[in-house]
Amino acid sequence: MKKLNKGWAEGTVAEFLDLSPADMEYIETRRALSRQLRVERNRKHLTQTELAVRLKTSQSRVAKMEQGDATVSLDLLIQSLYRVGMTRKEVAAAF
């Protein structure tokens, strides 16, 4: 961390939260899969509500999935990507 005037320090999020490289990779993986779900939903011209019906969940849950909410498991994100038609190779390429 770089010290600045008046006691302030400049650093990264990882430094501030004391995250390991593995923690950062996990977070970035979750973010990438969440973004990809939104991209695929838009590509298929689906609303969050329409996607929720396909996934047998609620619109608010889809919104949380697309936001990368910590309450959404990676398992659910990956299953959802498969259910919108992505292949395993496409999911792997998403991150």
PDB file of N, CA and C in Angstrom:
ATOM      1  N   MET A   1       0.830  -1.170   0.000  1.00  0.00           N
ATOM      2  CA  MET A   1       0.000   0.000   0.000  1.00  0.00           C
ATOM      3  C   MET A   1       0.882   1.242   0.000  1.00  0.00           C
ATOM      4  N   LYS A   2       0.477   2.220  -0.775  1.00  0.00           N
ATOM      5  CA  LYS A   2       1.222   3.460  -0.891  1.00  0.00           C
ATOM      6  C   LYS A   2       0.646   4.483   0.082  1.00  0.00           C
ATOM      7  N   LYS A   3       1.489   5.037   0.936  1.00  0.00           N
ATOM      8  CA  LYS A   3       1.055   6.056   1.896  1.00  0.00           C
ATOM      9  C   LYS A   3       0.948   7.415   1.211  1.00  0.00           C
ATOM     10  N   LEU A   4      -0.162   8.092   1.494  1.00  0.00           N
ATOM     11  CA  LEU A   4      -0.394   9.424   0.953  1.00  0.00           C
ATOM     12  C   LEU A   4      -0.430  10.428   2.093  1.00  0.00           C
ATOM     13  N   ASN A   5      -0.659  11.688   1.764  1.00  0.00           N
ATOM     14  CA  ASN A   5      -0.740  12.745   2.776  1.00  0.00           C
ATOM     15  C   ASN A   5      -1.868  12.493   3.765  1.00  0.00           C
ATOM     16  N   LYS A   6      -1.744  13.051   4.946  1.00  0.00           N
ATOM     17  CA  LYS A   6      -2.775  13.066   5.976  1.00  0.00           C
ATOM     18  C   LYS A   6      -3.206  11.675   6.436  1.00  0.00           C
ATOM     19  N   GLY A   7      -2.300  10.712   6.365  1.00  0.00           N
ATOM     20  CA  GLY A   7      -2.593   9.388   6.896  1.00  0.00           C
ATOM     21  C   GLY A   7      -3.373   8.465   5.989  1.00  0.00           C
ATOM     22  N   TRP A   8      -3.726   8.927   4.804  1.00  0.00           N
ATOM     23  CA  TRP A   8      -4.462   8.080   3.869  1.00  0.00           C
ATOM     24  C   TRP A   8      -3.499   7.131   3.181  1.00  0.00           C
ATOM     25  N   ALA A   9      -4.006   5.973   2.800  1.00  0.00           N
ATOM     26  CA  ALA A   9      -3.206   4.999   2.059  1.00  0.00           C
ATOM     27  C   ALA A   9      -3.944   4.620   0.790  1.00  0.00           C
ATOM     28  N   GLU A  10      -3.181   4.382  -0.239  1.00  0.00           N
ATOM     29  CA  GLU A  10      -3.753   3.963  -1.526  1.00  0.00           C
ATOM     30  C   GLU A  10      -3.386   2.509  -1.749  1.00  0.00           C
ATOM     31  N   GLY A  11      -4.384   1.696  -2.106  1.00  0.00           N
ATOM     32  CA  GLY A  11      -4.118   0.285  -2.340  1.00  0.00           C
ATOM     33  C   GLY A  11      -5.227  -0.353  -3.152  1.00  0.00           C
ATOM     34  N   THR A  12      -5.145  -1.644  -3.275  1.00  0.00           N
ATOM     35  CA  THR A  12      -6.140  -2.390  -4.034  1.00  0.00           C
ATOM     36  C   THR A  12      -7.231  -2.917  -3.104  1.00  0.00           C
ATOM     37  N   VAL A  13      -8.309  -3.385  -3.709  1.00  0.00           N
ATOM     38  CA  VAL A  13      -9.383  -4.010  -2.945  1.00  0.00           C
ATOM     39  C   VAL A  13      -8.850  -5.239  -2.229  1.00  0.00           C
ATOM     40  N   ALA A  14      -8.047  -6.022  -2.923  1.00  0.00           N
ATOM     41  CA  ALA A  14      -7.482  -7.237  -2.330  1.00  0.00           C
ATOM     42  C   ALA A  14      -6.656  -6.908  -1.090  1.00  0.00           C
ATOM     43  N   GLU A  15      -5.867  -5.852  -1.157  1.00  0.00           N
ATOM     44  CA  GLU A  15      -5.067  -5.444   0.001  1.00  0.00           C
ATOM     45  C   GLU A  15      -5.962  -4.967   1.133  1.00  0.00           C
ATOM     46  N   PHE A  16      -6.956  -4.163   0.796  1.00  0.00           N
ATOM     47  CA  PHE A  16      -7.856  -3.612   1.807  1.00  0.00           C
ATOM     48  C   PHE A  16      -8.612  -4.713   2.542  1.00  0.00           C
ATOM     49  N   LEU A  17      -9.087  -5.718   1.789  1.00  0.00           N
ATOM     50  CA  LEU A  17      -9.876  -6.804   2.380  1.00  0.00           C
ATOM     51  C   LEU A  17      -9.022  -8.003   2.786  1.00  0.00           C
ATOM     52  N   ASP A  18      -7.700  -7.893   2.579  1.00  0.00           N
ATOM     53  CA  ASP A  18      -6.770  -8.973   2.909  1.00  0.00           C
ATOM     54  C   ASP A  18      -7.158 -10.273   2.205  1.00  0.00           C
ATOM     55  N   LEU A  19      -7.390 -10.172   0.898  1.00  0.00           N
ATOM     56  CA  LEU A  19      -7.784 -11.337   0.101  1.00  0.00           C
ATOM     57  C   LEU A  19      -6.565 -11.985  -0.533  1.00  0.00           C
ATOM     58  N   SER A  20      -6.576 -13.292  -0.546  1.00  0.00           N
ATOM     59  CA  SER A  20      -5.495 -14.038  -1.184  1.00  0.00           C
ATOM     60  C   SER A  20      -5.717 -14.046  -2.695  1.00  0.00           C
ATOM     61  N   PRO A  21      -4.705 -14.422  -3.455  1.00  0.00           N
ATOM     62  CA  PRO A  21      -4.905 -14.563  -4.902  1.00  0.00           C
ATOM     63  C   PRO A  21      -6.024 -15.565  -5.221  1.00  0.00           C
ATOM     64  N   ALA A  22      -6.134 -16.637  -4.439  1.00  0.00           N
ATOM     65  CA  ALA A  22      -7.207 -17.615  -4.659  1.00  0.00           C
ATOM     66  C   ALA A  22      -8.575 -16.982  -4.418  1.00  0.00           C
ATOM     67  N   ASP A  23      -8.679 -16.148  -3.389  1.00  0.00           N
ATOM     68  CA  ASP A  23      -9.938 -15.452  -3.118  1.00  0.00           C
ATOM     69  C   ASP A  23     -10.315 -14.557  -4.294  1.00  0.00           C
ATOM     70  N   MET A  24      -9.343 -13.846  -4.821  1.00  0.00           N
ATOM     71  CA  MET A  24      -9.602 -12.953  -5.952  1.00  0.00           C
ATOM     72  C   MET A  24     -10.018 -13.738  -7.196  1.00  0.00           C
ATOM     73  N   GLU A  25      -9.401 -14.879  -7.433  1.00  0.00           N
ATOM     74  CA  GLU A  25      -9.779 -15.714  -8.580  1.00  0.00           C
ATOM     75  C   GLU A  25     -11.227 -16.187  -8.434  1.00  0.00           C
ATOM     76  N   TYR A  26     -11.605 -16.587  -7.229  1.00  0.00           N
ATOM     77  CA  TYR A  26     -12.967 -17.040  -6.968  1.00  0.00           C
ATOM     78  C   TYR A  26     -13.964 -15.905  -7.243  1.00  0.00           C
ATOM     79  N   ILE A  27     -13.665 -14.732  -6.753  1.00  0.00           N
ATOM     80  CA  ILE A  27     -14.540 -13.575  -6.954  1.00  0.00           C
ATOM     81  C   ILE A  27     -14.652 -13.249  -8.438  1.00  0.00           C
ATOM     82  N   GLU A  28     -13.539 -13.245  -9.138  1.00  0.00           N
ATOM     83  CA  GLU A  28     -13.559 -12.934 -10.571  1.00  0.00           C
ATOM     84  C   GLU A  28     -14.300 -14.005 -11.370  1.00  0.00           C
ATOM     85  N   THR A  29     -14.192 -15.259 -10.949  1.00  0.00           N
ATOM     86  CA  THR A  29     -14.939 -16.335 -11.607  1.00  0.00           C
ATOM     87  C   THR A  29     -16.433 -16.114 -11.442  1.00  0.00           C
ATOM     88  N   ARG A  30     -16.858 -15.818 -10.223  1.00  0.00           N
ATOM     89  CA  ARG A  30     -18.271 -15.545  -9.948  1.00  0.00           C
ATOM     90  C   ARG A  30     -18.764 -14.356 -10.790  1.00  0.00           C
ATOM     91  N   ARG A  31     -17.965 -13.299 -10.848  1.00  0.00           N
ATOM     92  CA  ARG A  31     -18.358 -12.112 -11.626  1.00  0.00           C
ATOM     93  C   ARG A  31     -18.479 -12.442 -13.108  1.00  0.00           C
ATOM     94  N   ALA A  32     -17.543 -13.221 -13.625  1.00  0.00           N
ATOM     95  CA  ALA A  32     -17.567 -13.577 -15.049  1.00  0.00           C
ATOM     96  C   ALA A  32     -18.796 -14.418 -15.384  1.00  0.00           C
ATOM     97  N   LEU A  33     -19.122 -15.382 -14.537  1.00  0.00           N
ATOM     98  CA  LEU A  33     -20.292 -16.226 -14.790  1.00  0.00           C
ATOM     99  C   LEU A  33     -21.585 -15.423 -14.669  1.00  0.00           C
ATOM    100  N   SER A  34     -21.637 -14.510 -13.738  1.00  0.00           N
ATOM    101  CA  SER A  34     -22.814 -13.656 -13.586  1.00  0.00           C
ATOM    102  C   SER A  34     -23.022 -12.774 -14.814  1.00  0.00           C
ATOM    103  N   ARG A  35     -21.923 -12.187 -15.280  1.00  0.00           N
ATOM    104  CA  ARG A  35     -22.001 -11.357 -16.496  1.00  0.00           C
ATOM    105  C   ARG A  35     -22.449 -12.190 -17.684  1.00  0.00           C
ATOM    106  N   GLN A  36     -21.919 -13.405 -17.793  1.00  0.00           N
ATOM    107  CA  GLN A  36     -22.254 -14.260 -18.922  1.00  0.00           C
ATOM    108  C   GLN A  36     -23.730 -14.649 -18.910  1.00  0.00           C
ATOM    109  N   LEU A  37     -24.290 -14.862 -17.725  1.00  0.00           N
ATOM    110  CA  LEU A  37     -25.709 -15.188 -17.640  1.00  0.00           C
ATOM    111  C   LEU A  37     -26.547 -14.032 -18.190  1.00  0.00           C
ATOM    112  N   ARG A  38     -26.189 -12.802 -17.841  1.00  0.00           N
ATOM    113  CA  ARG A  38     -26.912 -11.636 -18.356  1.00  0.00           C
ATOM    114  C   ARG A  38     -26.753 -11.521 -19.869  1.00  0.00           C
ATOM    115  N   VAL A  39     -25.535 -11.766 -20.359  1.00  0.00           N
ATOM    116  CA  VAL A  39     -25.287 -11.711 -21.807  1.00  0.00           C
ATOM    117  C   VAL A  39     -26.153 -12.742 -22.529  1.00  0.00           C
ATOM    118  N   GLU A  40     -26.172 -13.962 -22.019  1.00  0.00           N
ATOM    119  CA  GLU A  40     -26.953 -15.025 -22.662  1.00  0.00           C
ATOM    120  C   GLU A  40     -28.451 -14.730 -22.593  1.00  0.00           C
ATOM    121  N   ARG A  41     -28.913 -14.206 -21.473  1.00  0.00           N
ATOM    122  CA  ARG A  41     -30.335 -13.855 -21.353  1.00  0.00           C
ATOM    123  C   ARG A  41     -30.695 -12.797 -22.389  1.00  0.00           C
ATOM    124  N   ASN A  42     -29.866 -11.784 -22.508  1.00  0.00           N
ATOM    125  CA  ASN A  42     -30.129 -10.729 -23.495  1.00  0.00           C
ATOM    126  C   ASN A  42     -30.025 -11.254 -24.921  1.00  0.00           C
ATOM    127  N   ARG A  43     -29.075 -12.132 -25.166  1.00  0.00           N
ATOM    128  CA  ARG A  43     -28.914 -12.720 -26.500  1.00  0.00           C
ATOM    129  C   ARG A  43     -30.160 -13.499 -26.903  1.00  0.00           C
ATOM    130  N   LYS A  44     -30.792 -14.133 -25.947  1.00  0.00           N
ATOM    131  CA  LYS A  44     -32.008 -14.915 -26.214  1.00  0.00           C
ATOM    132  C   LYS A  44     -33.267 -14.047 -26.130  1.00  0.00           C
ATOM    133  N   HIS A  45     -33.082 -12.752 -25.897  1.00  0.00           N
ATOM    134  CA  HIS A  45     -34.194 -11.796 -25.800  1.00  0.00           C
ATOM    135  C   HIS A  45     -35.195 -12.209 -24.716  1.00  0.00           C
ATOM    136  N   LEU A  46     -34.648 -12.607 -23.566  1.00  0.00           N
ATOM    137  CA  LEU A  46     -35.486 -12.998 -22.440  1.00  0.00           C
ATOM    138  C   LEU A  46     -35.457 -11.920 -21.366  1.00  0.00           C
ATOM    139  N   THR A  47     -36.585 -11.720 -20.714  1.00  0.00           N
ATOM    140  CA  THR A  47     -36.602 -10.866 -19.528  1.00  0.00           C
ATOM    141  C   THR A  47     -36.119 -11.708 -18.350  1.00  0.00           C
ATOM    142  N   GLN A  48     -35.825 -11.052 -17.254  1.00  0.00           N
ATOM    143  CA  GLN A  48     -35.453 -11.799 -16.055  1.00  0.00           C
ATOM    144  C   GLN A  48     -36.597 -12.708 -15.621  1.00  0.00           C
ATOM    145  N   THR A  49     -37.815 -12.241 -15.777  1.00  0.00           N
ATOM    146  CA  THR A  49     -38.980 -13.041 -15.398  1.00  0.00           C
ATOM    147  C   THR A  49     -39.092 -14.282 -16.279  1.00  0.00           C
ATOM    148  N   GLU A  50     -38.888 -14.125 -17.578  1.00  0.00           N
ATOM    149  CA  GLU A  50     -38.956 -15.274 -18.490  1.00  0.00           C
ATOM    150  C   GLU A  50     -37.855 -16.288 -18.174  1.00  0.00           C
ATOM    151  N   LEU A  51     -36.662 -15.773 -17.873  1.00  0.00           N
ATOM    152  CA  LEU A  51     -35.576 -16.679 -17.503  1.00  0.00           C
ATOM    153  C   LEU A  51     -35.894 -17.389 -16.192  1.00  0.00           C
ATOM    154  N   ALA A  52     -36.468 -16.669 -15.267  1.00  0.00           N
ATOM    155  CA  ALA A  52     -36.839 -17.260 -13.979  1.00  0.00           C
ATOM    156  C   ALA A  52     -37.803 -18.426 -14.165  1.00  0.00           C
ATOM    157  N   VAL A  53     -38.747 -18.286 -15.080  1.00  0.00           N
ATOM    158  CA  VAL A  53     -39.690 -19.376 -15.350  1.00  0.00           C
ATOM    159  C   VAL A  53     -38.925 -20.590 -15.872  1.00  0.00           C
ATOM    160  N   ARG A  54     -38.000 -20.376 -16.791  1.00  0.00           N
ATOM    161  CA  ARG A  54     -37.192 -21.484 -17.326  1.00  0.00           C
ATOM    162  C   ARG A  54     -36.373 -22.177 -16.245  1.00  0.00           C
ATOM    163  N   LEU A  55     -35.883 -21.372 -15.295  1.00  0.00           N
ATOM    164  CA  LEU A  55     -35.012 -21.909 -14.252  1.00  0.00           C
ATOM    165  C   LEU A  55     -35.782 -22.382 -13.023  1.00  0.00           C
ATOM    166  N   LYS A  56     -37.110 -22.177 -13.062  1.00  0.00           N
ATOM    167  CA  LYS A  56     -37.973 -22.535 -11.933  1.00  0.00           C
ATOM    168  C   LYS A  56     -37.533 -21.819 -10.655  1.00  0.00           C
ATOM    169  N   THR A  57     -37.358 -20.515 -10.798  1.00  0.00           N
ATOM    170  CA  THR A  57     -36.973 -19.673  -9.674  1.00  0.00           C
ATOM    171  C   THR A  57     -37.704 -18.348  -9.800  1.00  0.00           C
ATOM    172  N   SER A  58     -37.340 -17.368  -9.019  1.00  0.00           N
ATOM    173  CA  SER A  58     -38.004 -16.064  -9.058  1.00  0.00           C
ATOM    174  C   SER A  58     -37.183 -15.050  -9.842  1.00  0.00           C
ATOM    175  N   GLN A  59     -37.856 -13.989 -10.279  1.00  0.00           N
ATOM    176  CA  GLN A  59     -37.171 -12.911 -10.987  1.00  0.00           C
ATOM    177  C   GLN A  59     -36.113 -12.285 -10.083  1.00  0.00           C
ATOM    178  N   SER A  60     -36.422 -12.124  -8.805  1.00  0.00           N
ATOM    179  CA  SER A  60     -35.455 -11.501  -7.891  1.00  0.00           C
ATOM    180  C   SER A  60     -34.206 -12.373  -7.740  1.00  0.00           C
ATOM    181  N   ARG A  61     -34.379 -13.684  -7.815  1.00  0.00           N
ATOM    182  CA  ARG A  61     -33.225 -14.584  -7.739  1.00  0.00           C
ATOM    183  C   ARG A  61     -32.360 -14.431  -8.986  1.00  0.00           C
ATOM    184  N   VAL A  62     -33.000 -14.309 -10.146  1.00  0.00           N
ATOM    185  CA  VAL A  62     -32.247 -14.085 -11.390  1.00  0.00           C
ATOM    186  C   VAL A  62     -31.469 -12.780 -11.291  1.00  0.00           C
ATOM    187  N   ALA A  63     -32.090 -11.744 -10.755  1.00  0.00           N
ATOM    188  CA  ALA A  63     -31.396 -10.460 -10.589  1.00  0.00           C
ATOM    189  C   ALA A  63     -30.167 -10.636  -9.702  1.00  0.00           C
ATOM    190  N   LYS A  64     -30.307 -11.378  -8.616  1.00  0.00           N
ATOM    191  CA  LYS A  64     -29.165 -11.631  -7.732  1.00  0.00           C
ATOM    192  C   LYS A  64     -28.085 -12.426  -8.452  1.00  0.00           C
ATOM    193  N   MET A  65     -28.503 -13.379  -9.275  1.00  0.00           N
ATOM    194  CA  MET A  65     -27.536 -14.179 -10.032  1.00  0.00           C
ATOM    195  C   MET A  65     -26.732 -13.282 -10.968  1.00  0.00           C
ATOM    196  N   GLU A  66     -27.417 -12.374 -11.639  1.00  0.00           N
ATOM    197  CA  GLU A  66     -26.747 -11.488 -12.593  1.00  0.00           C
ATOM    198  C   GLU A  66     -25.883 -10.439 -11.900  1.00  0.00           C
ATOM    199  N   GLN A  67     -26.159 -10.156 -10.648  1.00  0.00           N
ATOM    200  CA  GLN A  67     -25.367  -9.184  -9.880  1.00  0.00           C
ATOM    201  C   GLN A  67     -24.178  -9.824  -9.188  1.00  0.00           C
ATOM    202  N   GLY A  68     -24.096 -11.158  -9.244  1.00  0.00           N
ATOM    203  CA  GLY A  68     -22.997 -11.846  -8.578  1.00  0.00           C
ATOM    204  C   GLY A  68     -23.157 -11.889  -7.070  1.00  0.00           C
ATOM    205  N   ASP A  69     -24.386 -11.847  -6.610  1.00  0.00           N
ATOM    206  CA  ASP A  69     -24.675 -11.872  -5.173  1.00  0.00           C
ATOM    207  C   ASP A  69     -24.045 -13.094  -4.519  1.00  0.00           C
ATOM    208  N   ALA A  70     -23.457 -12.893  -3.353  1.00  0.00           N
ATOM    209  CA  ALA A  70     -22.757 -13.968  -2.649  1.00  0.00           C
ATOM    210  C   ALA A  70     -23.687 -15.084  -2.188  1.00  0.00           C
ATOM    211  N   THR A  71     -25.001 -14.824  -2.139  1.00  0.00           N
ATOM    212  CA  THR A  71     -25.942 -15.866  -1.716  1.00  0.00           C
ATOM    213  C   THR A  71     -26.233 -16.863  -2.832  1.00  0.00           C
ATOM    214  N   VAL A  72     -25.783 -16.564  -4.027  1.00  0.00           N
ATOM    215  CA  VAL A  72     -25.996 -17.454  -5.179  1.00  0.00           C
ATOM    216  C   VAL A  72     -24.772 -18.348  -5.330  1.00  0.00           C
ATOM    217  N   SER A  73     -24.989 -19.643  -5.358  1.00  0.00           N
ATOM    218  CA  SER A  73     -23.870 -20.577  -5.474  1.00  0.00           C
ATOM    219  C   SER A  73     -23.338 -20.616  -6.908  1.00  0.00           C
ATOM    220  N   LEU A  74     -22.077 -20.985  -7.024  1.00  0.00           N
ATOM    221  CA  LEU A  74     -21.494 -21.177  -8.354  1.00  0.00           C
ATOM    222  C   LEU A  74     -22.217 -22.299  -9.079  1.00  0.00           C
ATOM    223  N   ASP A  75     -22.647 -23.295  -8.336  1.00  0.00           N
ATOM    224  CA  ASP A  75     -23.386 -24.412  -8.908  1.00  0.00           C
ATOM    225  C   ASP A  75     -24.642 -23.909  -9.622  1.00  0.00           C
ATOM    226  N   LEU A  76     -25.394 -23.040  -8.963  1.00  0.00           N
ATOM    227  CA  LEU A  76     -26.614 -22.499  -9.566  1.00  0.00           C
ATOM    228  C   LEU A  76     -26.291 -21.657 -10.797  1.00  0.00           C
ATOM    229  N   LEU A  77     -25.243 -20.857 -10.731  1.00  0.00           N
ATOM    230  CA  LEU A  77     -24.851 -20.052 -11.890  1.00  0.00           C
ATOM    231  C   LEU A  77     -24.512 -20.946 -13.086  1.00  0.00           C
ATOM    232  N   ILE A  78     -23.729 -21.975 -12.835  1.00  0.00           N
ATOM    233  CA  ILE A  78     -23.317 -22.864 -13.927  1.00  0.00           C
ATOM    234  C   ILE A  78     -24.507 -23.636 -14.487  1.00  0.00           C
ATOM    235  N   GLN A  79     -25.350 -24.172 -13.624  1.00  0.00           N
ATOM    236  CA  GLN A  79     -26.547 -24.879 -14.097  1.00  0.00           C
ATOM    237  C   GLN A  79     -27.424 -23.956 -14.936  1.00  0.00           C
ATOM    238  N   SER A  80     -27.538 -22.715 -14.525  1.00  0.00           N
ATOM    239  CA  SER A  80     -28.370 -21.751 -15.260  1.00  0.00           C
ATOM    240  C   SER A  80     -27.802 -21.476 -16.640  1.00  0.00           C
ATOM    241  N   LEU A  81     -26.489 -21.388 -16.734  1.00  0.00           N
ATOM    242  CA  LEU A  81     -25.869 -21.178 -18.042  1.00  0.00           C
ATOM    243  C   LEU A  81     -26.129 -22.364 -18.965  1.00  0.00           C
ATOM    244  N   TYR A  82     -26.078 -23.560 -18.425  1.00  0.00           N
ATOM    245  CA  TYR A  82     -26.408 -24.738 -19.231  1.00  0.00           C
ATOM    246  C   TYR A  82     -27.871 -24.694 -19.662  1.00  0.00           C
ATOM    247  N   ARG A  83     -28.743 -24.261 -18.788  1.00  0.00           N
ATOM    248  CA  ARG A  83     -30.172 -24.236 -19.101  1.00  0.00           C
ATOM    249  C   ARG A  83     -30.547 -23.169 -20.126  1.00  0.00           C
ATOM    250  N   VAL A  84     -29.688 -22.170 -20.309  1.00  0.00           N
ATOM    251  CA  VAL A  84     -29.950 -21.201 -21.378  1.00  0.00           C
ATOM    252  C   VAL A  84     -29.273 -21.613 -22.676  1.00  0.00           C
ATOM    253  N   GLY A  85     -28.653 -22.805 -22.669  1.00  0.00           N
ATOM    254  CA  GLY A  85     -28.143 -23.352 -23.918  1.00  0.00           C
ATOM    255  C   GLY A  85     -26.647 -23.350 -24.106  1.00  0.00           C
ATOM    256  N   MET A  86     -25.886 -22.921 -23.113  1.00  0.00           N
ATOM    257  CA  MET A  86     -24.435 -22.924 -23.268  1.00  0.00           C
ATOM    258  C   MET A  86     -23.879 -24.336 -23.098  1.00  0.00           C
ATOM    259  N   THR A  87     -22.782 -24.595 -23.772  1.00  0.00           N
ATOM    260  CA  THR A  87     -22.082 -25.865 -23.616  1.00  0.00           C
ATOM    261  C   THR A  87     -21.028 -25.734 -22.517  1.00  0.00           C
ATOM    262  N   ARG A  88     -20.484 -26.865 -22.101  1.00  0.00           N
ATOM    263  CA  ARG A  88     -19.431 -26.861 -21.081  1.00  0.00           C
ATOM    264  C   ARG A  88     -18.227 -26.044 -21.551  1.00  0.00           C
ATOM    265  N   LYS A  89     -17.855 -26.185 -22.810  1.00  0.00           N
ATOM    266  CA  LYS A  89     -16.721 -25.427 -23.341  1.00  0.00           C
ATOM    267  C   LYS A  89     -17.010 -23.925 -23.348  1.00  0.00           C
ATOM    268  N   GLU A  90     -18.226 -23.548 -23.677  1.00  0.00           N
ATOM    269  CA  GLU A  90     -18.590 -22.126 -23.671  1.00  0.00           C
ATOM    270  C   GLU A  90     -18.595 -21.563 -22.257  1.00  0.00           C
ATOM    271  N   VAL A  91     -19.077 -22.348 -21.314  1.00  0.00           N
ATOM    272  CA  VAL A  91     -19.063 -21.898 -19.911  1.00  0.00           C
ATOM    273  C   VAL A  91     -17.615 -21.722 -19.445  1.00  0.00           C
ATOM    274  N   ALA A  92     -16.762 -22.692 -19.771  1.00  0.00           N
ATOM    275  CA  ALA A  92     -15.353 -22.604 -19.374  1.00  0.00           C
ATOM    276  C   ALA A  92     -14.678 -21.384 -19.997  1.00  0.00           C
ATOM    277  N   ALA A  93     -15.035 -21.068 -21.216  1.00  0.00           N
ATOM    278  CA  ALA A  93     -14.434 -19.917 -21.901  1.00  0.00           C
ATOM    279  C   ALA A  93     -14.930 -18.588 -21.327  1.00  0.00           C
ATOM    280  N   ALA A  94     -16.036 -18.621 -20.604  1.00  0.00           N
ATOM    281  CA  ALA A  94     -16.622 -17.390 -20.050  1.00  0.00           C
ATOM    282  C   ALA A  94     -15.715 -16.770 -18.974  1.00  0.00           C
ATOM    283  N   PHE A  95     -14.855 -17.596 -18.387  1.00  0.00           N
ATOM    284  CA  PHE A  95     -13.949 -17.053 -17.380  1.00  0.00           C
ATOM    285  C   PHE A  95     -12.551 -17.494 -17.655  1.00  0.00           C
TER     286      PHE A  95
END
